[in-house]
Amino acid sequence: MLSVFVPVFEIWFIPQALCDFRSASKSRGCGLFRTDRNNPRRDRLRVKAKGLPPMNVAPKFGPAFTLESADAAGLDQLRHQAEGCTRCELYKNATQLVFGEGSQRAAIMLVGEQPGDKEDIAGRPFVGPAGRLLDTCLEEAVLDRSRCYVTNAVKHFKFEPRGKRRLHSKPNAGEIQRCAWWLGAEIKLVRPNLVVALGATALYSLLGSKVKLTPERGHILTPGNHPPVLVTIHPSFLLRIRDEEDVARQRANFIADLHRAVQYQGN
């Protein structure tokens, strides 16, 4: 059954008493946001720690999962359940389901869009060109991938055949919604301190259509129903840039965004 929720979230530029997704002994972060004191839009979105109710967000076509939807006892059982998924039509043409990988005790969860051609064949997330670039940027950001849980908003590869090639095709809203049930289940089981939304599809799956990537990039949003979400680009965006100066600038910004996740864990 498809469950639809309307996310309610707060945006705190100095987060306090966030979610109790980890034990109280783990510290929560402050000082990770790009503060823009002259941004009227950011001022309107700001929710103070005391005295104000959370901001209500009603997406036009919001995410599909609730954290209570998962009944698996662990990630292995959840993966086994997901392998038989027919919630959308993408399973018909994909080689296999590409589930998330990493420790169930990971403090950081990285969420991309969907598996690509290489991932579809290998059965692992982020092992193609974008994955190799992500690994390099994670290393420069001093963020150990082996200590993260890595997954995608959509678990099957959507593509258009062009001769012998399979070209990436962006998943539609219905496909994202149906697969978001599995993402919610992963979040419930892993219980990360922080979720990193890599790109617009991941952000939409987590927070709905009203939250846009460009104005929120580099910020950490605190939803009311799951761990804080750090917003950044998908590494494949860097692969599409042709101007050398632009790609260098965007790459540096991406690494800085990833390093915020490190800072968030350290504060």
C-alpha atoms as a PDB file:
ATOM      1  CA  MET A   1       0.000   0.000   0.000  1.00  0.00           C
ATOM      2  CA  LEU A   2       1.324   3.454  -0.903  1.00  0.00           C
ATOM      3  CA  SER A   3       1.620   5.730   2.114  1.00  0.00           C
ATOM      4  CA  VAL A   4       1.877   9.462   1.535  1.00  0.00           C
ATOM      5  CA  PHE A   5       3.001  11.908   4.153  1.00  0.00           C
ATOM      6  CA  VAL A   6       3.314  15.660   4.272  1.00  0.00           C
ATOM      7  CA  PRO A   7       6.728  16.457   5.749  1.00  0.00           C
ATOM      8  CA  VAL A   8       7.019  18.997   8.521  1.00  0.00           C
ATOM      9  CA  PHE A   9      10.511  20.293   9.068  1.00  0.00           C
ATOM     10  CA  GLU A  10      12.450  23.002  10.765  1.00  0.00           C
ATOM     11  CA  ILE A  11      15.456  24.857   9.403  1.00  0.00           C
ATOM     12  CA  TRP A  12      17.874  25.796  12.185  1.00  0.00           C
ATOM     13  CA  PHE A  13      21.061  27.623  11.415  1.00  0.00           C
ATOM     14  CA  ILE A  14      22.403  26.673  14.841  1.00  0.00           C
ATOM     15  CA  PRO A  15      20.759  23.278  15.453  1.00  0.00           C
ATOM     16  CA  GLN A  16      19.952  22.445  19.052  1.00  0.00           C
ATOM     17  CA  ALA A  17      18.526  19.272  20.514  1.00  0.00           C
ATOM     18  CA  LEU A  18      18.043  17.706  17.094  1.00  0.00           C
ATOM     19  CA  CYS A  19      16.672  14.166  16.718  1.00  0.00           C
ATOM     20  CA  ASP A  20      17.368  11.332  19.148  1.00  0.00           C
ATOM     21  CA  PHE A  21      18.354   8.982  16.345  1.00  0.00           C
ATOM     22  CA  ARG A  22      21.609   8.124  18.128  1.00  0.00           C
ATOM     23  CA  SER A  23      22.413   7.722  21.776  1.00  0.00           C
ATOM     24  CA  ALA A  24      22.700  10.866  23.822  1.00  0.00           C
ATOM     25  CA  SER A  25      26.443  10.337  24.086  1.00  0.00           C
ATOM     26  CA  LYS A  26      26.900  11.240  20.404  1.00  0.00           C
ATOM     27  CA  SER A  27      27.319  14.948  19.883  1.00  0.00           C
ATOM     28  CA  ARG A  28      25.197  16.979  17.512  1.00  0.00           C
ATOM     29  CA  GLY A  29      26.636  19.640  15.234  1.00  0.00           C
ATOM     30  CA  CYS A  30      26.548  23.415  15.148  1.00  0.00           C
ATOM     31  CA  GLY A  31      28.082  25.987  12.887  1.00  0.00           C
ATOM     32  CA  LEU A  32      27.719  24.000   9.658  1.00  0.00           C
ATOM     33  CA  PHE A  33      25.509  26.354   7.737  1.00  0.00           C
ATOM     34  CA  ARG A  34      26.407  29.009   5.237  1.00  0.00           C
ATOM     35  CA  THR A  35      24.964  32.001   7.054  1.00  0.00           C
ATOM     36  CA  ASP A  36      23.526  34.739   4.874  1.00  0.00           C
ATOM     37  CA  ARG A  37      22.282  37.510   7.122  1.00  0.00           C
ATOM     38  CA  ASN A  38      21.057  39.606   4.170  1.00  0.00           C
ATOM     39  CA  ASN A  39      18.942  36.899   2.585  1.00  0.00           C
ATOM     40  CA  PRO A  40      15.243  37.750   3.181  1.00  0.00           C
ATOM     41  CA  ARG A  41      14.106  34.320   2.011  1.00  0.00           C
ATOM     42  CA  ARG A  42      16.404  32.589   4.480  1.00  0.00           C
ATOM     43  CA  ASP A  43      15.177  34.876   7.235  1.00  0.00           C
ATOM     44  CA  ARG A  44      11.577  33.904   6.477  1.00  0.00           C
ATOM     45  CA  LEU A  45      12.452  30.208   6.653  1.00  0.00           C
ATOM     46  CA  ARG A  46      14.351  30.509   9.893  1.00  0.00           C
ATOM     47  CA  VAL A  47      12.651  28.862  12.866  1.00  0.00           C
ATOM     48  CA  LYS A  48      13.862  29.818  16.307  1.00  0.00           C
ATOM     49  CA  ALA A  49      14.508  27.158  18.891  1.00  0.00           C
ATOM     50  CA  LYS A  50      11.865  28.515  21.248  1.00  0.00           C
ATOM     51  CA  GLY A  51       8.509  30.169  20.943  1.00  0.00           C
ATOM     52  CA  LEU A  52       7.678  29.410  17.305  1.00  0.00           C
ATOM     53  CA  PRO A  53       5.877  26.426  15.783  1.00  0.00           C
ATOM     54  CA  PRO A  54       7.616  24.451  13.018  1.00  0.00           C
ATOM     55  CA  MET A  55       7.077  25.536   9.438  1.00  0.00           C
ATOM     56  CA  ASN A  56       4.472  23.506   7.557  1.00  0.00           C
ATOM     57  CA  VAL A  57       5.411  22.377   4.067  1.00  0.00           C
ATOM     58  CA  ALA A  58       2.745  20.955   1.766  1.00  0.00           C
ATOM     59  CA  PRO A  59       4.423  19.556  -1.352  1.00  0.00           C
ATOM     60  CA  LYS A  60       2.410  19.234  -4.543  1.00  0.00           C
ATOM     61  CA  PHE A  61       3.471  15.615  -4.892  1.00  0.00           C
ATOM     62  CA  GLY A  62       5.318  14.616  -1.801  1.00  0.00           C
ATOM     63  CA  PRO A  63       7.400  11.649  -0.692  1.00  0.00           C
ATOM     64  CA  ALA A  64       5.799   8.250  -0.305  1.00  0.00           C
ATOM     65  CA  PHE A  65       7.300   6.713   2.785  1.00  0.00           C
ATOM     66  CA  THR A  66       6.765   6.795   6.493  1.00  0.00           C
ATOM     67  CA  LEU A  67       9.452   5.525   8.816  1.00  0.00           C
ATOM     68  CA  GLU A  68       6.960   3.101  10.357  1.00  0.00           C
ATOM     69  CA  SER A  69       6.521   1.275   7.037  1.00  0.00           C
ATOM     70  CA  ALA A  70       9.519  -1.063   7.416  1.00  0.00           C
ATOM     71  CA  ASP A  71       9.016  -4.372   9.189  1.00  0.00           C
ATOM     72  CA  ALA A  72      12.437  -5.922   8.466  1.00  0.00           C
ATOM     73  CA  ALA A  73      14.631  -6.700  11.459  1.00  0.00           C
ATOM     74  CA  GLY A  74      17.837  -5.703   9.652  1.00  0.00           C
ATOM     75  CA  LEU A  75      19.337  -4.571   6.365  1.00  0.00           C
ATOM     76  CA  ASP A  76      19.927  -8.100   5.057  1.00  0.00           C
ATOM     77  CA  GLN A  77      16.275  -8.960   5.542  1.00  0.00           C
ATOM     78  CA  LEU A  78      15.221  -5.656   4.001  1.00  0.00           C
ATOM     79  CA  ARG A  79      17.436  -6.280   0.974  1.00  0.00           C
ATOM     80  CA  HIS A  80      15.859  -9.713   0.549  1.00  0.00           C
ATOM     81  CA  GLN A  81      12.395  -8.144   0.651  1.00  0.00           C
ATOM     82  CA  ALA A  82      13.385  -5.441  -1.835  1.00  0.00           C
ATOM     83  CA  GLU A  83      14.776  -7.921  -4.369  1.00  0.00           C
ATOM     84  CA  GLY A  84      11.232  -8.969  -5.209  1.00  0.00           C
ATOM     85  CA  CYS A  85       9.930  -5.401  -5.479  1.00  0.00           C
ATOM     86  CA  THR A  86       7.399  -4.701  -8.249  1.00  0.00           C
ATOM     87  CA  ARG A  87       6.089  -1.411  -6.852  1.00  0.00           C
ATOM     88  CA  CYS A  88       6.909   0.308 -10.167  1.00  0.00           C
ATOM     89  CA  GLU A  89       7.747  -0.886 -13.689  1.00  0.00           C
ATOM     90  CA  LEU A  90      11.505  -0.309 -13.548  1.00  0.00           C
ATOM     91  CA  TYR A  91      12.282  -3.836 -12.368  1.00  0.00           C
ATOM     92  CA  LYS A  92      11.198  -5.232 -15.746  1.00  0.00           C
ATOM     93  CA  ASN A  93      14.181  -3.901 -17.711  1.00  0.00           C
ATOM     94  CA  ALA A  94      16.864  -3.551 -15.040  1.00  0.00           C
ATOM     95  CA  THR A  95      19.461  -6.280 -14.603  1.00  0.00           C
ATOM     96  CA  GLN A  96      18.917  -6.377 -10.863  1.00  0.00           C
ATOM     97  CA  LEU A  97      17.919  -4.311  -7.881  1.00  0.00           C
ATOM     98  CA  VAL A  98      20.799  -2.228  -6.525  1.00  0.00           C
ATOM     99  CA  PHE A  99      20.327  -1.928  -2.790  1.00  0.00           C
ATOM    100  CA  GLY A 100      22.266   0.252  -0.385  1.00  0.00           C
ATOM    101  CA  GLU A 101      25.479  -0.912   1.248  1.00  0.00           C
ATOM    102  CA  GLY A 102      27.315  -0.104   4.422  1.00  0.00           C
ATOM    103  CA  SER A 103      27.067  -0.570   8.158  1.00  0.00           C
ATOM    104  CA  GLN A 104      23.700  -0.509   9.894  1.00  0.00           C
ATOM    105  CA  ARG A 105      25.467   1.602  12.523  1.00  0.00           C
ATOM    106  CA  ALA A 106      26.715   4.206  10.036  1.00  0.00           C
ATOM    107  CA  ALA A 107      26.477   7.775  11.312  1.00  0.00           C
ATOM    108  CA  ILE A 108      26.119   9.239   7.795  1.00  0.00           C
ATOM    109  CA  MET A 109      23.861   8.067   4.972  1.00  0.00           C
ATOM    110  CA  LEU A 110      24.591   9.160   1.388  1.00  0.00           C
ATOM    111  CA  VAL A 111      21.552   9.110  -0.912  1.00  0.00           C
ATOM    112  CA  GLY A 112      21.926   9.433  -4.684  1.00  0.00           C
ATOM    113  CA  GLU A 113      19.373   9.283  -7.487  1.00  0.00           C
ATOM    114  CA  GLN A 114      19.480   5.787  -8.990  1.00  0.00           C
ATOM    115  CA  PRO A 115      22.001   3.162 -10.128  1.00  0.00           C
ATOM    116  CA  GLY A 116      23.676   3.764 -13.473  1.00  0.00           C
ATOM    117  CA  ASP A 117      24.758   1.285 -16.121  1.00  0.00           C
ATOM    118  CA  LYS A 118      27.833   0.099 -14.189  1.00  0.00           C
ATOM    119  CA  GLU A 119      25.912  -0.153 -10.930  1.00  0.00           C
ATOM    120  CA  ASP A 120      23.098  -2.104 -12.588  1.00  0.00           C
ATOM    121  CA  ILE A 121      25.618  -4.704 -13.780  1.00  0.00           C
ATOM    122  CA  ALA A 122      27.679  -4.817 -10.578  1.00  0.00           C
ATOM    123  CA  GLY A 123      24.719  -4.705  -8.190  1.00  0.00           C
ATOM    124  CA  ARG A 124      26.415  -2.043  -6.034  1.00  0.00           C
ATOM    125  CA  PRO A 125      25.744   1.705  -5.676  1.00  0.00           C
ATOM    126  CA  PHE A 126      28.208   4.358  -6.911  1.00  0.00           C
ATOM    127  CA  VAL A 127      30.791   2.183  -8.675  1.00  0.00           C
ATOM    128  CA  GLY A 128      30.647   3.912 -12.088  1.00  0.00           C
ATOM    129  CA  PRO A 129      32.216   7.236 -13.185  1.00  0.00           C
ATOM    130  CA  ALA A 130      30.103   9.300 -10.771  1.00  0.00           C
ATOM    131  CA  GLY A 131      30.930   6.861  -7.987  1.00  0.00           C
ATOM    132  CA  ARG A 132      34.662   7.105  -8.609  1.00  0.00           C
ATOM    133  CA  LEU A 133      34.417  10.892  -8.551  1.00  0.00           C
ATOM    134  CA  LEU A 134      32.409  10.695  -5.340  1.00  0.00           C
ATOM    135  CA  ASP A 135      35.112   8.520  -3.766  1.00  0.00           C
ATOM    136  CA  THR A 136      37.784  11.060  -4.686  1.00  0.00           C
ATOM    137  CA  CYS A 137      35.769  13.974  -3.310  1.00  0.00           C
ATOM    138  CA  LEU A 138      34.936  12.066  -0.127  1.00  0.00           C
ATOM    139  CA  GLU A 139      38.637  11.424   0.395  1.00  0.00           C
ATOM    140  CA  GLU A 140      39.445  15.113  -0.064  1.00  0.00           C
ATOM    141  CA  ALA A 141      36.643  15.991   2.351  1.00  0.00           C
ATOM    142  CA  VAL A 142      38.185  13.573   4.891  1.00  0.00           C
ATOM    143  CA  LEU A 143      34.993  11.516   4.905  1.00  0.00           C
ATOM    144  CA  ASP A 144      35.529   7.756   4.923  1.00  0.00           C
ATOM    145  CA  ARG A 145      33.051   6.054   2.574  1.00  0.00           C
ATOM    146  CA  SER A 146      33.491   2.762   4.415  1.00  0.00           C
ATOM    147  CA  ARG A 147      31.944   4.404   7.489  1.00  0.00           C
ATOM    148  CA  CYS A 148      28.910   5.652   5.557  1.00  0.00           C
ATOM    149  CA  TYR A 149      25.775   3.902   4.362  1.00  0.00           C
ATOM    150  CA  VAL A 150      25.454   4.512   0.613  1.00  0.00           C
ATOM    151  CA  THR A 151      22.171   4.109  -1.243  1.00  0.00           C
ATOM    152  CA  ASN A 152      19.893   5.621  -3.895  1.00  0.00           C
ATOM    153  CA  ALA A 153      16.409   7.076  -3.908  1.00  0.00           C
ATOM    154  CA  VAL A 154      15.480   4.653  -6.719  1.00  0.00           C
ATOM    155  CA  LYS A 155      16.825   1.099  -6.622  1.00  0.00           C
ATOM    156  CA  HIS A 156      16.453   0.041 -10.288  1.00  0.00           C
ATOM    157  CA  PHE A 157      18.261   1.505 -13.312  1.00  0.00           C
ATOM    158  CA  LYS A 158      15.984   3.507 -15.620  1.00  0.00           C
ATOM    159  CA  PHE A 159      17.421   3.903 -19.102  1.00  0.00           C
ATOM    160  CA  GLU A 160      16.755   4.395 -22.797  1.00  0.00           C
ATOM    161  CA  PRO A 161      18.485   1.940 -25.165  1.00  0.00           C
ATOM    162  CA  ARG A 162      20.584   3.593 -27.888  1.00  0.00           C
ATOM    163  CA  GLY A 163      22.123   0.852 -29.972  1.00  0.00           C
ATOM    164  CA  LYS A 164      24.364  -1.095 -27.622  1.00  0.00           C
ATOM    165  CA  ARG A 165      24.352   1.701 -25.050  1.00  0.00           C
ATOM    166  CA  ARG A 166      21.922   2.274 -22.196  1.00  0.00           C
ATOM    167  CA  LEU A 167      21.460   5.974 -21.534  1.00  0.00           C
ATOM    168  CA  HIS A 168      20.376   7.232 -18.130  1.00  0.00           C
ATOM    169  CA  SER A 169      16.756   8.362 -17.922  1.00  0.00           C
ATOM    170  CA  LYS A 170      15.553  10.420 -14.975  1.00  0.00           C
ATOM    171  CA  PRO A 171      12.970   8.616 -12.814  1.00  0.00           C
ATOM    172  CA  ASN A 172       9.566  10.247 -12.680  1.00  0.00           C
ATOM    173  CA  ALA A 173       7.703  11.344  -9.566  1.00  0.00           C
ATOM    174  CA  GLY A 174       5.655   8.159  -9.299  1.00  0.00           C
ATOM    175  CA  GLU A 175       8.734   5.948  -9.524  1.00  0.00           C
ATOM    176  CA  ILE A 176      10.514   8.027  -6.901  1.00  0.00           C
ATOM    177  CA  GLN A 177       7.514   7.846  -4.596  1.00  0.00           C
ATOM    178  CA  ARG A 178       7.108   4.109  -4.869  1.00  0.00           C
ATOM    179  CA  CYS A 179      10.780   3.451  -4.224  1.00  0.00           C
ATOM    180  CA  ALA A 180      10.929   5.984  -1.398  1.00  0.00           C
ATOM    181  CA  TRP A 181       9.207   3.386   0.764  1.00  0.00           C
ATOM    182  CA  TRP A 182      12.466   1.388   0.718  1.00  0.00           C
ATOM    183  CA  LEU A 183      14.531   4.487   1.452  1.00  0.00           C
ATOM    184  CA  GLY A 184      12.367   5.180   4.478  1.00  0.00           C
ATOM    185  CA  ALA A 185      12.918   1.618   5.627  1.00  0.00           C
ATOM    186  CA  GLU A 186      16.692   2.028   5.274  1.00  0.00           C
ATOM    187  CA  ILE A 187      16.611   5.247   7.294  1.00  0.00           C
ATOM    188  CA  LYS A 188      14.601   3.561  10.016  1.00  0.00           C
ATOM    189  CA  LEU A 189      17.068   0.689  10.305  1.00  0.00           C
ATOM    190  CA  VAL A 190      20.331   2.634   9.971  1.00  0.00           C
ATOM    191  CA  ARG A 191      19.206   5.597  12.095  1.00  0.00           C
ATOM    192  CA  PRO A 192      22.016   7.878  10.849  1.00  0.00           C
ATOM    193  CA  ASN A 193      22.923  11.153  12.503  1.00  0.00           C
ATOM    194  CA  LEU A 194      22.864  12.839   9.097  1.00  0.00           C
ATOM    195  CA  VAL A 195      21.498  12.082   5.627  1.00  0.00           C
ATOM    196  CA  VAL A 196      23.317  13.636   2.646  1.00  0.00           C
ATOM    197  CA  ALA A 197      20.974  14.271  -0.295  1.00  0.00           C
ATOM    198  CA  LEU A 198      23.103  13.988  -3.445  1.00  0.00           C
ATOM    199  CA  GLY A 199      21.073  15.834  -6.048  1.00  0.00           C
ATOM    200  CA  ALA A 200      17.503  16.897  -6.703  1.00  0.00           C
ATOM    201  CA  THR A 201      15.973  13.416  -6.935  1.00  0.00           C
ATOM    202  CA  ALA A 202      17.311  12.392  -3.537  1.00  0.00           C
ATOM    203  CA  LEU A 203      16.174  15.692  -2.047  1.00  0.00           C
ATOM    204  CA  TYR A 204      12.698  15.287  -3.517  1.00  0.00           C
ATOM    205  CA  SER A 205      12.442  11.746  -2.197  1.00  0.00           C
ATOM    206  CA  LEU A 206      13.405  12.899   1.287  1.00  0.00           C
ATOM    207  CA  LEU A 207      11.617  16.248   1.614  1.00  0.00           C
ATOM    208  CA  GLY A 208       9.174  16.688  -1.256  1.00  0.00           C
ATOM    209  CA  SER A 209       8.847  19.037  -4.202  1.00  0.00           C
ATOM    210  CA  LYS A 210       8.701  22.318  -2.274  1.00  0.00           C
ATOM    211  CA  VAL A 211      12.323  22.059  -1.144  1.00  0.00           C
ATOM    212  CA  LYS A 212      14.663  23.060  -3.990  1.00  0.00           C
ATOM    213  CA  LEU A 213      18.314  22.163  -4.321  1.00  0.00           C
ATOM    214  CA  THR A 214      19.853  25.436  -5.489  1.00  0.00           C
ATOM    215  CA  PRO A 215      18.703  27.725  -2.631  1.00  0.00           C
ATOM    216  CA  GLU A 216      19.293  25.036   0.007  1.00  0.00           C
ATOM    217  CA  ARG A 217      22.633  23.690  -1.207  1.00  0.00           C
ATOM    218  CA  GLY A 218      25.143  23.450   1.615  1.00  0.00           C
ATOM    219  CA  HIS A 219      22.479  23.775   4.293  1.00  0.00           C
ATOM    220  CA  ILE A 220      21.326  21.170   6.772  1.00  0.00           C
ATOM    221  CA  LEU A 221      17.554  20.898   7.064  1.00  0.00           C
ATOM    222  CA  THR A 222      15.962  19.318  10.112  1.00  0.00           C
ATOM    223  CA  PRO A 223      12.787  17.403   9.215  1.00  0.00           C
ATOM    224  CA  GLY A 224      10.301  16.387  11.851  1.00  0.00           C
ATOM    225  CA  ASN A 225      10.165  12.750  10.753  1.00  0.00           C
ATOM    226  CA  HIS A 226      13.744  11.623  10.120  1.00  0.00           C
ATOM    227  CA  PRO A 227      17.380  12.704  10.644  1.00  0.00           C
ATOM    228  CA  PRO A 228      18.777  16.044   9.432  1.00  0.00           C
ATOM    229  CA  VAL A 229      19.423  16.326   5.694  1.00  0.00           C
ATOM    230  CA  LEU A 230      22.505  17.979   4.177  1.00  0.00           C
ATOM    231  CA  VAL A 231      21.689  19.247   0.681  1.00  0.00           C
ATOM    232  CA  THR A 232      24.254  19.080  -2.121  1.00  0.00           C
ATOM    233  CA  ILE A 233      24.644  18.159  -5.782  1.00  0.00           C
ATOM    234  CA  HIS A 234      24.984  14.716  -7.353  1.00  0.00           C
ATOM    235  CA  PRO A 235      28.584  14.046  -8.473  1.00  0.00           C
ATOM    236  CA  SER A 236      27.361  13.323 -12.021  1.00  0.00           C
ATOM    237  CA  PHE A 237      26.621  17.047 -12.293  1.00  0.00           C
ATOM    238  CA  LEU A 238      30.367  17.691 -12.233  1.00  0.00           C
ATOM    239  CA  LEU A 239      30.923  15.222 -15.070  1.00  0.00           C
ATOM    240  CA  ARG A 240      28.598  17.196 -17.333  1.00  0.00           C
ATOM    241  CA  ILE A 241      30.387  20.536 -16.909  1.00  0.00           C
ATOM    242  CA  ARG A 242      32.690  21.407 -19.815  1.00  0.00           C
ATOM    243  CA  ASP A 243      34.237  24.671 -18.611  1.00  0.00           C
ATOM    244  CA  GLU A 244      37.395  23.904 -16.621  1.00  0.00           C
ATOM    245  CA  GLU A 245      37.101  26.874 -14.268  1.00  0.00           C
ATOM    246  CA  ASP A 246      33.451  26.139 -13.592  1.00  0.00           C
ATOM    247  CA  VAL A 247      34.049  22.476 -12.856  1.00  0.00           C
ATOM    248  CA  ALA A 248      36.932  23.359 -10.522  1.00  0.00           C
ATOM    249  CA  ARG A 249      34.730  25.808  -8.632  1.00  0.00           C
ATOM    250  CA  GLN A 250      31.772  23.435  -8.432  1.00  0.00           C
ATOM    251  CA  ARG A 251      34.013  20.570  -7.369  1.00  0.00           C
ATOM    252  CA  ALA A 252      35.509  22.654  -4.561  1.00  0.00           C
ATOM    253  CA  ASN A 253      32.010  23.585  -3.396  1.00  0.00           C
ATOM    254  CA  PHE A 254      30.957  19.933  -3.477  1.00  0.00           C
ATOM    255  CA  ILE A 255      33.939  18.910  -1.362  1.00  0.00           C
ATOM    256  CA  ALA A 256      33.133  21.730   1.061  1.00  0.00           C
ATOM    257  CA  ASP A 257      29.553  20.460   1.306  1.00  0.00           C
ATOM    258  CA  LEU A 258      30.774  16.940   2.073  1.00  0.00           C
ATOM    259  CA  HIS A 259      33.179  18.288   4.685  1.00  0.00           C
ATOM    260  CA  ARG A 260      30.209  19.860   6.478  1.00  0.00           C
ATOM    261  CA  ALA A 261      29.071  16.316   7.177  1.00  0.00           C
ATOM    262  CA  VAL A 262      32.425  15.672   8.860  1.00  0.00           C
ATOM    263  CA  GLN A 263      32.140  18.874  10.877  1.00  0.00           C
ATOM    264  CA  TYR A 264      28.595  17.963  11.858  1.00  0.00           C
ATOM    265  CA  GLN A 265      29.804  14.706  13.385  1.00  0.00           C
ATOM    266  CA  GLY A 266      32.640  16.438  15.211  1.00  0.00           C
ATOM    267  CA  ASN A 267      30.628  19.165  16.916  1.00  0.00           C
END
